[in-house]
């Protein structure tokens, strides 16, 4: 069981490292003064993945920091400001959560929203506590034509299935995951109870 957990955890580590390094390289090459700051942020993200994720649980603030930094790197893909919202103002940041549990949902939202190409694209993330429950909602736009791929089964990925396996291993019956889609929007709602 522990081995399965470690394998699943390893499979969901971030896949954007090369993009982040390319962005930083471009910034440094063009003389952007914020390049060293971005290197420090990327270093913090890698430290989280390589070391903090060795623990069975971490405080929610570390997951929030990682997601915030991930969003910052996603924003580097375009010169214009993207339609991204991340509200964690009502979350208890000391709450203990399994590391890298929320991140795959965020990665998935950016991957499928085509936010950097679609001016109508959006990613909306909300994290809050309510009645002793942690609620995590991620909504993203669906570009035209993508929903038909999802319905036909040609659009597949292992990220969300890995999260489901981890949720079953770690939280057993103390979680609820709802995934909904329509023509314009994909939404996941994850609720964790203590």
N, C-alpha and C. Protein backbone atom coordinates (compact mmCIF):
# COMPACT_ATOMS: atom_id res chain seq x y z
N UNK A 1 0.83 -1.20 0.00
CA UNK A 1 0.00 0.00 0.00
C UNK A 1 0.87 1.26 0.00
N UNK A 2 1.92 1.25 0.82
CA UNK A 2 2.83 2.39 0.86
C UNK A 2 3.55 2.56 -0.47
N UNK A 3 3.96 1.44 -1.06
CA UNK A 3 4.63 1.49 -2.37
C UNK A 3 3.70 2.06 -3.43
N UNK A 4 2.43 1.61 -3.41
CA UNK A 4 1.46 2.13 -4.38
C UNK A 4 1.29 3.64 -4.19
N UNK A 5 1.20 4.09 -2.94
CA UNK A 5 1.07 5.51 -2.65
C UNK A 5 2.26 6.29 -3.20
N UNK A 6 3.48 5.78 -2.99
CA UNK A 6 4.69 6.47 -3.47
C UNK A 6 4.71 6.54 -5.00
N UNK A 7 4.31 5.45 -5.65
CA UNK A 7 4.28 5.44 -7.12
C UNK A 7 3.28 6.46 -7.63
N UNK A 8 2.08 6.48 -7.04
CA UNK A 8 1.05 7.43 -7.47
C UNK A 8 1.51 8.86 -7.22
N UNK A 9 2.17 9.09 -6.08
CA UNK A 9 2.66 10.43 -5.76
C UNK A 9 3.68 10.87 -6.79
N UNK A 10 4.60 9.97 -7.18
CA UNK A 10 5.63 10.31 -8.15
C UNK A 10 5.07 10.62 -9.52
N UNK A 11 3.97 9.98 -9.90
CA UNK A 11 3.39 10.18 -11.22
C UNK A 11 2.75 11.54 -11.38
N UNK A 12 2.39 12.20 -10.28
CA UNK A 12 1.68 13.46 -10.44
C UNK A 12 2.56 14.69 -10.18
N UNK A 13 3.86 14.48 -10.08
CA UNK A 13 4.73 15.64 -9.94
C UNK A 13 4.64 16.53 -11.17
N UNK A 14 4.97 17.83 -11.05
CA UNK A 14 4.71 18.78 -12.13
C UNK A 14 5.49 18.47 -13.41
N UNK A 15 4.87 18.79 -14.53
CA UNK A 15 5.45 18.52 -15.85
C UNK A 15 5.83 19.80 -16.57
N UNK A 16 5.80 20.90 -15.87
CA UNK A 16 6.02 22.17 -16.55
C UNK A 16 7.45 22.69 -16.41
N UNK A 17 8.35 21.89 -15.84
CA UNK A 17 9.71 22.34 -15.55
C UNK A 17 10.42 22.92 -16.78
N UNK A 18 10.35 22.22 -17.91
CA UNK A 18 11.05 22.69 -19.09
C UNK A 18 10.48 24.02 -19.59
N UNK A 19 9.15 24.17 -19.54
CA UNK A 19 8.54 25.44 -19.94
C UNK A 19 9.00 26.57 -19.04
N UNK A 20 9.03 26.29 -17.73
CA UNK A 20 9.46 27.32 -16.78
C UNK A 20 10.91 27.72 -17.04
N UNK A 21 11.78 26.74 -17.27
CA UNK A 21 13.19 27.03 -17.55
C UNK A 21 13.34 27.81 -18.86
N UNK A 22 12.58 27.45 -19.88
CA UNK A 22 12.63 28.19 -21.14
C UNK A 22 12.18 29.63 -20.96
N UNK A 23 11.12 29.83 -20.17
CA UNK A 23 10.64 31.19 -19.90
C UNK A 23 11.71 32.01 -19.17
N UNK A 24 12.33 31.40 -18.17
CA UNK A 24 13.38 32.10 -17.42
C UNK A 24 14.57 32.40 -18.32
N UNK A 25 14.93 31.45 -19.17
CA UNK A 25 16.03 31.67 -20.12
C UNK A 25 15.73 32.86 -21.03
N UNK A 26 14.50 32.91 -21.56
CA UNK A 26 14.11 34.03 -22.43
C UNK A 26 14.17 35.35 -21.68
N UNK A 27 13.72 35.33 -20.43
CA UNK A 27 13.74 36.55 -19.62
C UNK A 27 15.18 37.02 -19.39
N UNK A 28 16.06 36.06 -19.04
CA UNK A 28 17.47 36.41 -18.80
C UNK A 28 18.13 36.91 -20.08
N UNK A 29 17.83 36.25 -21.19
CA UNK A 29 18.43 36.61 -22.48
C UNK A 29 18.03 38.03 -22.90
N UNK A 30 16.77 38.39 -22.59
CA UNK A 30 16.29 39.72 -22.98
C UNK A 30 16.60 40.79 -21.92
N UNK A 31 17.28 40.39 -20.86
CA UNK A 31 17.68 41.36 -19.84
C UNK A 31 16.61 41.68 -18.81
N UNK A 32 15.59 40.86 -18.72
CA UNK A 32 14.51 41.08 -17.75
C UNK A 32 15.09 40.98 -16.33
N UNK A 33 14.90 42.04 -15.55
CA UNK A 33 15.47 42.10 -14.21
C UNK A 33 14.80 41.16 -13.21
N UNK A 34 13.64 40.61 -13.58
CA UNK A 34 12.94 39.71 -12.64
C UNK A 34 13.35 38.25 -12.82
N UNK A 35 14.24 37.96 -13.76
CA UNK A 35 14.66 36.58 -13.99
C UNK A 35 15.22 35.91 -12.73
N UNK A 36 16.11 36.58 -11.95
CA UNK A 36 16.62 35.93 -10.72
C UNK A 36 15.50 35.59 -9.73
N UNK A 37 14.49 36.45 -9.63
CA UNK A 37 13.36 36.20 -8.74
C UNK A 37 12.60 34.94 -9.19
N UNK A 38 12.43 34.79 -10.50
CA UNK A 38 11.73 33.61 -11.04
C UNK A 38 12.54 32.34 -10.79
N UNK A 39 13.86 32.44 -10.85
CA UNK A 39 14.71 31.28 -10.55
C UNK A 39 14.52 30.87 -9.08
N UNK A 40 14.45 31.85 -8.19
CA UNK A 40 14.24 31.56 -6.77
C UNK A 40 12.88 30.91 -6.54
N UNK A 41 11.86 31.39 -7.25
CA UNK A 41 10.52 30.81 -7.12
C UNK A 41 10.52 29.37 -7.61
N UNK A 42 11.15 29.14 -8.77
CA UNK A 42 11.22 27.78 -9.30
C UNK A 42 11.99 26.86 -8.35
N UNK A 43 13.04 27.38 -7.72
CA UNK A 43 13.80 26.61 -6.75
C UNK A 43 12.92 26.20 -5.56
N UNK A 44 12.09 27.14 -5.08
CA UNK A 44 11.17 26.83 -3.98
C UNK A 44 10.17 25.74 -4.38
N UNK A 45 9.70 25.82 -5.63
CA UNK A 45 8.74 24.83 -6.11
C UNK A 45 9.38 23.44 -6.17
N UNK A 46 10.60 23.38 -6.66
CA UNK A 46 11.30 22.10 -6.75
C UNK A 46 11.62 21.54 -5.37
N UNK A 47 11.96 22.43 -4.44
CA UNK A 47 12.22 21.99 -3.06
C UNK A 47 10.96 21.36 -2.47
N UNK A 48 9.82 21.97 -2.73
CA UNK A 48 8.55 21.44 -2.24
C UNK A 48 8.31 20.03 -2.80
N UNK A 49 8.48 19.88 -4.11
CA UNK A 49 8.22 18.59 -4.76
C UNK A 49 9.21 17.52 -4.29
N UNK A 50 10.49 17.89 -4.19
CA UNK A 50 11.52 16.90 -3.89
C UNK A 50 11.66 16.57 -2.41
N UNK A 51 11.40 17.53 -1.54
CA UNK A 51 11.64 17.31 -0.11
C UNK A 51 10.38 17.35 0.74
N UNK A 52 9.58 18.41 0.61
CA UNK A 52 8.39 18.52 1.45
C UNK A 52 7.39 17.40 1.15
N UNK A 53 7.36 16.96 -0.08
CA UNK A 53 6.40 15.91 -0.47
C UNK A 53 6.77 14.54 0.05
N UNK A 54 7.93 14.43 0.71
CA UNK A 54 8.30 13.16 1.33
C UNK A 54 7.44 12.89 2.56
N UNK A 55 6.84 13.94 3.12
CA UNK A 55 5.97 13.79 4.29
C UNK A 55 4.61 13.26 3.86
N UNK A 56 3.92 12.62 4.78
CA UNK A 56 2.57 12.15 4.49
C UNK A 56 1.57 13.29 4.43
N UNK A 57 1.86 14.35 5.18
CA UNK A 57 0.98 15.53 5.15
C UNK A 57 1.80 16.79 5.34
N UNK A 58 1.27 17.87 4.82
CA UNK A 58 1.92 19.18 4.94
C UNK A 58 0.84 20.21 5.26
N UNK A 59 1.26 21.38 5.73
CA UNK A 59 0.28 22.42 5.99
C UNK A 59 -0.20 23.00 4.66
N UNK A 60 -1.45 23.38 4.63
CA UNK A 60 -2.09 23.85 3.41
C UNK A 60 -1.38 25.04 2.80
N UNK A 61 -0.73 25.85 3.63
CA UNK A 61 -0.04 27.03 3.09
C UNK A 61 1.04 26.65 2.08
N UNK A 62 1.67 25.49 2.24
CA UNK A 62 2.70 25.07 1.28
C UNK A 62 2.08 24.71 -0.06
N UNK A 63 0.94 24.06 -0.03
CA UNK A 63 0.23 23.73 -1.26
C UNK A 63 -0.26 25.02 -1.94
N UNK A 64 -0.72 25.98 -1.13
CA UNK A 64 -1.18 27.27 -1.67
C UNK A 64 -0.03 28.01 -2.32
N UNK A 65 1.13 28.02 -1.66
CA UNK A 65 2.31 28.69 -2.24
C UNK A 65 2.69 28.05 -3.58
N UNK A 66 2.67 26.72 -3.61
CA UNK A 66 3.03 26.03 -4.85
C UNK A 66 2.06 26.40 -5.97
N UNK A 67 0.77 26.37 -5.68
CA UNK A 67 -0.24 26.70 -6.70
C UNK A 67 -0.10 28.15 -7.15
N UNK A 68 0.13 29.06 -6.21
CA UNK A 68 0.32 30.48 -6.57
C UNK A 68 1.52 30.66 -7.49
N UNK A 69 2.62 29.97 -7.18
CA UNK A 69 3.81 30.05 -8.03
C UNK A 69 3.57 29.40 -9.38
N UNK A 70 2.84 28.30 -9.39
CA UNK A 70 2.50 27.64 -10.65
C UNK A 70 1.71 28.60 -11.55
N UNK A 71 0.75 29.30 -10.96
CA UNK A 71 -0.05 30.27 -11.71
C UNK A 71 0.84 31.39 -12.25
N UNK A 72 1.79 31.82 -11.44
CA UNK A 72 2.70 32.89 -11.89
C UNK A 72 3.48 32.45 -13.13
N UNK A 73 3.94 31.21 -13.15
CA UNK A 73 4.66 30.72 -14.32
C UNK A 73 3.74 30.55 -15.52
N UNK A 74 2.50 30.16 -15.28
CA UNK A 74 1.53 30.05 -16.39
C UNK A 74 1.29 31.42 -17.02
N UNK A 75 1.25 32.46 -16.18
CA UNK A 75 1.02 33.81 -16.68
C UNK A 75 2.15 34.28 -17.58
N UNK A 76 3.35 33.74 -17.39
CA UNK A 76 4.50 34.13 -18.22
C UNK A 76 4.34 33.72 -19.68
N UNK A 77 3.39 32.84 -19.96
CA UNK A 77 3.21 32.36 -21.33
C UNK A 77 2.64 33.42 -22.26
N UNK A 78 2.01 34.44 -21.69
CA UNK A 78 1.42 35.51 -22.52
C UNK A 78 1.82 36.88 -21.97
N UNK A 79 1.87 37.86 -22.86
CA UNK A 79 2.17 39.23 -22.43
C UNK A 79 0.95 39.86 -21.78
N UNK A 80 -0.24 39.55 -22.29
CA UNK A 80 -1.46 40.12 -21.71
C UNK A 80 -1.88 39.31 -20.49
N UNK A 81 -2.58 39.98 -19.59
CA UNK A 81 -3.02 39.32 -18.35
C UNK A 81 -4.09 38.29 -18.67
N UNK A 82 -3.91 37.09 -18.14
CA UNK A 82 -4.88 36.03 -18.35
C UNK A 82 -5.99 36.11 -17.31
N UNK A 83 -7.12 35.52 -17.63
CA UNK A 83 -8.28 35.53 -16.74
C UNK A 83 -8.15 34.38 -15.73
N UNK A 84 -7.37 34.64 -14.67
CA UNK A 84 -7.08 33.64 -13.64
C UNK A 84 -7.46 34.22 -12.29
N UNK A 85 -8.17 33.42 -11.49
CA UNK A 85 -8.50 33.83 -10.13
C UNK A 85 -8.18 32.68 -9.19
N UNK A 86 -7.51 33.00 -8.08
CA UNK A 86 -7.23 32.01 -7.04
C UNK A 86 -7.56 32.65 -5.71
N UNK A 87 -8.67 32.23 -5.10
CA UNK A 87 -9.12 32.79 -3.83
C UNK A 87 -8.98 31.74 -2.73
N UNK A 88 -8.07 32.00 -1.79
CA UNK A 88 -7.88 31.10 -0.65
C UNK A 88 -8.03 31.86 0.66
N UNK A 89 -8.71 33.01 0.59
CA UNK A 89 -8.81 33.91 1.75
C UNK A 89 -9.59 33.29 2.91
N UNK A 90 -10.45 32.30 2.64
CA UNK A 90 -11.25 31.68 3.70
C UNK A 90 -10.75 30.29 4.06
N UNK A 91 -9.50 30.00 3.73
CA UNK A 91 -8.93 28.69 4.04
C UNK A 91 -8.05 28.77 5.28
N UNK A 92 -8.12 27.75 6.12
CA UNK A 92 -7.23 27.62 7.27
C UNK A 92 -5.92 27.06 6.76
N UNK A 93 -4.91 27.92 6.65
CA UNK A 93 -3.66 27.53 6.02
C UNK A 93 -2.82 26.59 6.87
N UNK A 94 -3.19 26.36 8.11
CA UNK A 94 -2.47 25.41 8.95
C UNK A 94 -3.05 23.99 8.82
N UNK A 95 -4.16 23.87 8.14
CA UNK A 95 -4.82 22.57 7.93
C UNK A 95 -3.85 21.62 7.25
N UNK A 96 -3.82 20.37 7.71
CA UNK A 96 -2.91 19.37 7.15
C UNK A 96 -3.58 18.64 5.98
N UNK A 97 -2.83 18.52 4.89
CA UNK A 97 -3.35 17.89 3.68
C UNK A 97 -2.22 17.05 3.06
N UNK A 98 -2.59 16.04 2.29
CA UNK A 98 -1.57 15.26 1.59
C UNK A 98 -0.88 16.14 0.56
N UNK A 99 0.45 16.09 0.45
CA UNK A 99 1.15 16.96 -0.49
C UNK A 99 0.81 16.65 -1.94
N UNK A 100 0.78 17.68 -2.76
CA UNK A 100 0.53 17.58 -4.20
C UNK A 100 -0.84 16.96 -4.50
N UNK A 101 -1.77 17.08 -3.58
CA UNK A 101 -3.10 16.52 -3.80
C UNK A 101 -3.95 17.44 -4.66
N UNK A 102 -3.83 18.74 -4.45
CA UNK A 102 -4.66 19.72 -5.16
C UNK A 102 -4.06 20.13 -6.51
N UNK A 103 -2.75 20.05 -6.60
CA UNK A 103 -2.01 20.55 -7.78
C UNK A 103 -2.46 19.93 -9.10
N UNK A 104 -2.67 18.60 -9.18
CA UNK A 104 -3.06 18.03 -10.49
C UNK A 104 -4.35 18.62 -11.05
N UNK A 105 -5.29 19.01 -10.17
CA UNK A 105 -6.53 19.63 -10.65
C UNK A 105 -6.24 20.98 -11.29
N UNK A 106 -5.29 21.71 -10.70
CA UNK A 106 -4.91 23.02 -11.25
C UNK A 106 -4.18 22.83 -12.59
N UNK A 107 -3.25 21.88 -12.61
CA UNK A 107 -2.52 21.59 -13.86
C UNK A 107 -3.50 21.21 -14.97
N UNK A 108 -4.47 20.37 -14.63
CA UNK A 108 -5.47 19.92 -15.58
C UNK A 108 -6.29 21.10 -16.12
N UNK A 109 -6.66 22.01 -15.23
CA UNK A 109 -7.45 23.18 -15.64
C UNK A 109 -6.70 24.03 -16.66
N UNK A 110 -5.42 24.27 -16.40
CA UNK A 110 -4.63 25.06 -17.36
C UNK A 110 -4.42 24.31 -18.66
N UNK A 111 -4.18 23.02 -18.55
CA UNK A 111 -3.93 22.21 -19.75
C UNK A 111 -5.13 22.23 -20.69
N UNK A 112 -6.34 22.13 -20.14
CA UNK A 112 -7.53 21.98 -20.97
C UNK A 112 -8.26 23.29 -21.27
N UNK A 113 -7.88 24.37 -20.63
CA UNK A 113 -8.58 25.64 -20.88
C UNK A 113 -8.06 26.37 -22.11
N UNK A 114 -6.83 26.06 -22.54
CA UNK A 114 -6.17 26.82 -23.63
C UNK A 114 -6.21 28.31 -23.34
N UNK A 115 -6.02 28.66 -22.09
CA UNK A 115 -6.18 30.04 -21.64
C UNK A 115 -5.21 31.00 -22.33
N UNK A 116 -4.02 30.48 -22.69
CA UNK A 116 -3.05 31.38 -23.32
C UNK A 116 -3.39 31.68 -24.78
N UNK A 117 -4.29 30.89 -25.38
CA UNK A 117 -4.68 31.10 -26.78
C UNK A 117 -6.08 31.68 -26.92
N UNK A 118 -6.95 31.36 -25.97
CA UNK A 118 -8.36 31.74 -26.06
C UNK A 118 -8.63 32.98 -25.22
N UNK A 119 -9.00 34.12 -25.85
CA UNK A 119 -9.26 35.34 -25.07
C UNK A 119 -10.45 35.19 -24.11
N UNK A 120 -11.33 34.22 -24.38
CA UNK A 120 -12.47 33.97 -23.49
C UNK A 120 -12.13 32.93 -22.43
N UNK A 121 -10.93 32.38 -22.49
CA UNK A 121 -10.53 31.33 -21.57
C UNK A 121 -10.37 31.83 -20.14
N UNK A 122 -10.61 30.93 -19.19
CA UNK A 122 -10.45 31.30 -17.78
C UNK A 122 -10.10 30.08 -16.94
N UNK A 123 -9.48 30.35 -15.81
CA UNK A 123 -9.27 29.36 -14.76
C UNK A 123 -9.64 30.03 -13.46
N UNK A 124 -10.56 29.41 -12.73
CA UNK A 124 -11.07 29.99 -11.49
C UNK A 124 -10.90 28.95 -10.38
N UNK A 125 -10.15 29.30 -9.33
CA UNK A 125 -9.82 28.36 -8.26
C UNK A 125 -10.26 28.96 -6.93
N UNK A 126 -10.96 28.16 -6.16
CA UNK A 126 -11.43 28.60 -4.85
C UNK A 126 -11.12 27.53 -3.81
N UNK A 127 -10.60 27.95 -2.67
CA UNK A 127 -10.22 27.04 -1.60
C UNK A 127 -10.69 27.65 -0.29
N UNK A 128 -11.54 26.92 0.44
CA UNK A 128 -12.06 27.49 1.68
C UNK A 128 -12.49 26.39 2.64
N UNK A 129 -12.67 26.79 3.89
CA UNK A 129 -13.18 25.89 4.92
C UNK A 129 -14.63 26.25 5.23
N UNK A 130 -15.42 25.19 5.42
CA UNK A 130 -16.82 25.39 5.77
C UNK A 130 -17.27 24.18 6.58
N UNK A 131 -17.77 24.43 7.78
CA UNK A 131 -18.28 23.36 8.64
C UNK A 131 -17.29 22.20 8.80
N UNK A 132 -16.07 22.50 9.18
CA UNK A 132 -15.02 21.50 9.38
C UNK A 132 -14.65 20.72 8.13
N UNK A 133 -14.95 21.28 6.98
CA UNK A 133 -14.59 20.65 5.71
C UNK A 133 -13.72 21.61 4.89
N UNK A 134 -12.76 21.02 4.17
CA UNK A 134 -11.99 21.79 3.21
C UNK A 134 -12.64 21.61 1.85
N UNK A 135 -12.97 22.72 1.21
CA UNK A 135 -13.63 22.68 -0.10
C UNK A 135 -12.69 23.30 -1.13
N UNK A 136 -12.48 22.58 -2.22
CA UNK A 136 -11.58 23.01 -3.30
C UNK A 136 -12.37 22.93 -4.60
N UNK A 137 -12.53 24.07 -5.26
CA UNK A 137 -13.29 24.13 -6.51
C UNK A 137 -12.39 24.70 -7.60
N UNK A 138 -12.29 23.99 -8.71
CA UNK A 138 -11.51 24.46 -9.85
C UNK A 138 -12.42 24.43 -11.08
N UNK A 139 -12.62 25.60 -11.66
CA UNK A 139 -13.41 25.73 -12.88
C UNK A 139 -12.50 26.22 -14.00
N UNK A 140 -12.70 25.69 -15.19
CA UNK A 140 -11.95 26.20 -16.34
C UNK A 140 -12.82 26.17 -17.59
N UNK A 141 -12.51 27.07 -18.50
CA UNK A 141 -13.22 27.12 -19.77
C UNK A 141 -12.84 25.91 -20.61
N UNK A 142 -13.74 25.56 -21.51
CA UNK A 142 -13.49 24.48 -22.47
C UNK A 142 -13.53 25.09 -23.86
N UNK A 143 -12.40 25.07 -24.59
CA UNK A 143 -12.42 25.61 -25.95
C UNK A 143 -13.36 24.81 -26.85
N UNK A 144 -13.87 25.44 -27.88
CA UNK A 144 -14.78 24.76 -28.81
C UNK A 144 -14.11 23.51 -29.38
N UNK A 145 -14.88 22.44 -29.47
CA UNK A 145 -14.38 21.20 -30.07
C UNK A 145 -13.76 20.25 -29.07
N UNK A 146 -13.36 20.72 -27.91
CA UNK A 146 -12.68 19.85 -26.93
C UNK A 146 -13.67 18.92 -26.25
N UNK A 147 -14.88 19.42 -25.95
CA UNK A 147 -15.87 18.58 -25.27
C UNK A 147 -16.22 17.36 -26.10
N UNK A 148 -16.27 17.50 -27.42
CA UNK A 148 -16.57 16.35 -28.27
C UNK A 148 -15.48 15.28 -28.17
N UNK A 149 -14.22 15.71 -27.98
CA UNK A 149 -13.13 14.75 -27.77
C UNK A 149 -13.30 14.01 -26.45
N UNK A 150 -13.69 14.75 -25.42
CA UNK A 150 -13.89 14.15 -24.10
C UNK A 150 -15.01 13.12 -24.17
N UNK A 151 -16.13 13.50 -24.80
CA UNK A 151 -17.28 12.60 -24.89
C UNK A 151 -16.96 11.37 -25.73
N UNK A 152 -16.13 11.53 -26.75
CA UNK A 152 -15.81 10.40 -27.61
C UNK A 152 -14.76 9.47 -27.00
N UNK A 153 -14.12 9.92 -25.90
CA UNK A 153 -13.12 9.09 -25.25
C UNK A 153 -11.74 9.24 -25.84
N UNK A 154 -11.56 10.16 -26.80
CA UNK A 154 -10.24 10.33 -27.41
C UNK A 154 -9.34 11.23 -26.59
N UNK A 155 -9.89 11.91 -25.63
CA UNK A 155 -9.12 12.81 -24.79
C UNK A 155 -9.02 12.15 -23.42
N UNK A 156 -7.83 11.57 -23.12
CA UNK A 156 -7.66 10.83 -21.87
C UNK A 156 -6.40 11.28 -21.16
N UNK A 157 -6.37 11.06 -19.85
CA UNK A 157 -5.19 11.36 -19.07
C UNK A 157 -5.20 10.54 -17.80
N UNK A 158 -4.01 10.38 -17.20
CA UNK A 158 -3.94 9.56 -15.99
C UNK A 158 -3.89 10.42 -14.73
N UNK A 159 -3.74 11.73 -14.87
CA UNK A 159 -3.58 12.61 -13.71
C UNK A 159 -4.73 12.53 -12.73
N UNK A 160 -5.97 12.69 -13.20
CA UNK A 160 -7.12 12.69 -12.30
C UNK A 160 -7.35 11.29 -11.73
N UNK A 161 -7.12 10.26 -12.53
CA UNK A 161 -7.26 8.90 -12.01
C UNK A 161 -6.26 8.64 -10.89
N UNK A 162 -5.04 9.16 -11.04
CA UNK A 162 -4.05 9.02 -9.96
C UNK A 162 -4.52 9.72 -8.69
N UNK A 163 -5.13 10.89 -8.86
CA UNK A 163 -5.63 11.61 -7.69
C UNK A 163 -6.74 10.81 -7.01
N UNK A 164 -7.61 10.21 -7.82
CA UNK A 164 -8.68 9.37 -7.24
C UNK A 164 -8.08 8.23 -6.42
N UNK A 165 -7.05 7.58 -6.97
CA UNK A 165 -6.39 6.49 -6.24
C UNK A 165 -5.78 7.00 -4.93
N UNK A 166 -5.13 8.14 -4.99
CA UNK A 166 -4.54 8.72 -3.77
C UNK A 166 -5.60 9.07 -2.76
N UNK A 167 -6.71 9.65 -3.23
CA UNK A 167 -7.81 9.99 -2.32
C UNK A 167 -8.34 8.74 -1.62
N UNK A 168 -8.49 7.66 -2.39
CA UNK A 168 -8.97 6.41 -1.80
C UNK A 168 -7.98 5.84 -0.79
N UNK A 169 -6.69 5.94 -1.10
CA UNK A 169 -5.66 5.42 -0.20
C UNK A 169 -5.54 6.24 1.08
N UNK A 170 -5.59 7.56 0.94
CA UNK A 170 -5.30 8.44 2.07
C UNK A 170 -6.55 8.82 2.85
N UNK A 171 -7.62 9.16 2.13
CA UNK A 171 -8.80 9.72 2.78
C UNK A 171 -9.96 8.72 2.88
N UNK A 172 -9.86 7.62 2.16
CA UNK A 172 -10.87 6.57 2.19
C UNK A 172 -12.27 7.17 2.01
N UNK A 173 -13.12 7.15 3.05
CA UNK A 173 -14.48 7.67 2.91
C UNK A 173 -14.62 9.09 3.44
N UNK A 174 -13.50 9.77 3.60
CA UNK A 174 -13.55 11.12 4.15
C UNK A 174 -13.36 12.18 3.06
N UNK A 175 -13.79 11.88 1.86
CA UNK A 175 -13.72 12.86 0.79
C UNK A 175 -14.90 12.68 -0.15
N UNK A 176 -15.17 13.74 -0.91
CA UNK A 176 -16.19 13.69 -1.96
C UNK A 176 -15.63 14.44 -3.16
N UNK A 177 -15.63 13.80 -4.32
CA UNK A 177 -15.12 14.42 -5.54
C UNK A 177 -16.22 14.42 -6.59
N UNK A 178 -16.55 15.60 -7.07
CA UNK A 178 -17.56 15.77 -8.11
C UNK A 178 -16.92 16.43 -9.32
N UNK A 179 -17.06 15.83 -10.48
CA UNK A 179 -16.53 16.40 -11.72
C UNK A 179 -17.70 16.59 -12.67
N UNK A 180 -17.88 17.83 -13.12
CA UNK A 180 -18.97 18.13 -14.06
C UNK A 180 -18.41 18.86 -15.28
N UNK A 181 -19.10 18.68 -16.42
CA UNK A 181 -18.71 19.34 -17.67
C UNK A 181 -19.96 19.79 -18.40
N UNK A 182 -19.86 20.91 -19.07
CA UNK A 182 -20.89 21.28 -20.04
C UNK A 182 -20.17 21.80 -21.28
N UNK A 183 -20.87 22.43 -22.17
CA UNK A 183 -20.27 22.87 -23.44
C UNK A 183 -19.16 23.91 -23.24
N UNK A 184 -19.23 24.66 -22.15
CA UNK A 184 -18.30 25.77 -21.98
C UNK A 184 -17.37 25.66 -20.78
N UNK A 185 -17.67 24.75 -19.84
CA UNK A 185 -16.94 24.77 -18.58
C UNK A 185 -16.74 23.37 -18.01
N UNK A 186 -15.58 23.19 -17.40
CA UNK A 186 -15.24 21.96 -16.66
C UNK A 186 -15.08 22.39 -15.21
N UNK A 187 -15.63 21.60 -14.28
CA UNK A 187 -15.56 21.98 -12.86
C UNK A 187 -15.30 20.75 -12.01
N UNK A 188 -14.37 20.86 -11.08
CA UNK A 188 -14.18 19.82 -10.07
C UNK A 188 -14.44 20.45 -8.71
N UNK A 189 -15.09 19.69 -7.86
CA UNK A 189 -15.29 20.10 -6.48
C UNK A 189 -14.82 18.96 -5.60
N UNK A 190 -13.81 19.24 -4.80
CA UNK A 190 -13.26 18.26 -3.86
C UNK A 190 -13.53 18.73 -2.45
N UNK A 191 -14.12 17.86 -1.66
CA UNK A 191 -14.40 18.17 -0.25
C UNK A 191 -13.69 17.14 0.61
N UNK A 192 -12.90 17.62 1.56
CA UNK A 192 -12.20 16.74 2.51
C UNK A 192 -12.73 16.97 3.91
N UNK A 193 -12.96 15.90 4.64
CA UNK A 193 -13.37 16.02 6.02
C UNK A 193 -12.30 15.42 6.91
N UNK A 194 -12.22 15.88 8.14
CA UNK A 194 -11.18 15.38 9.06
C UNK A 194 -11.54 14.01 9.57
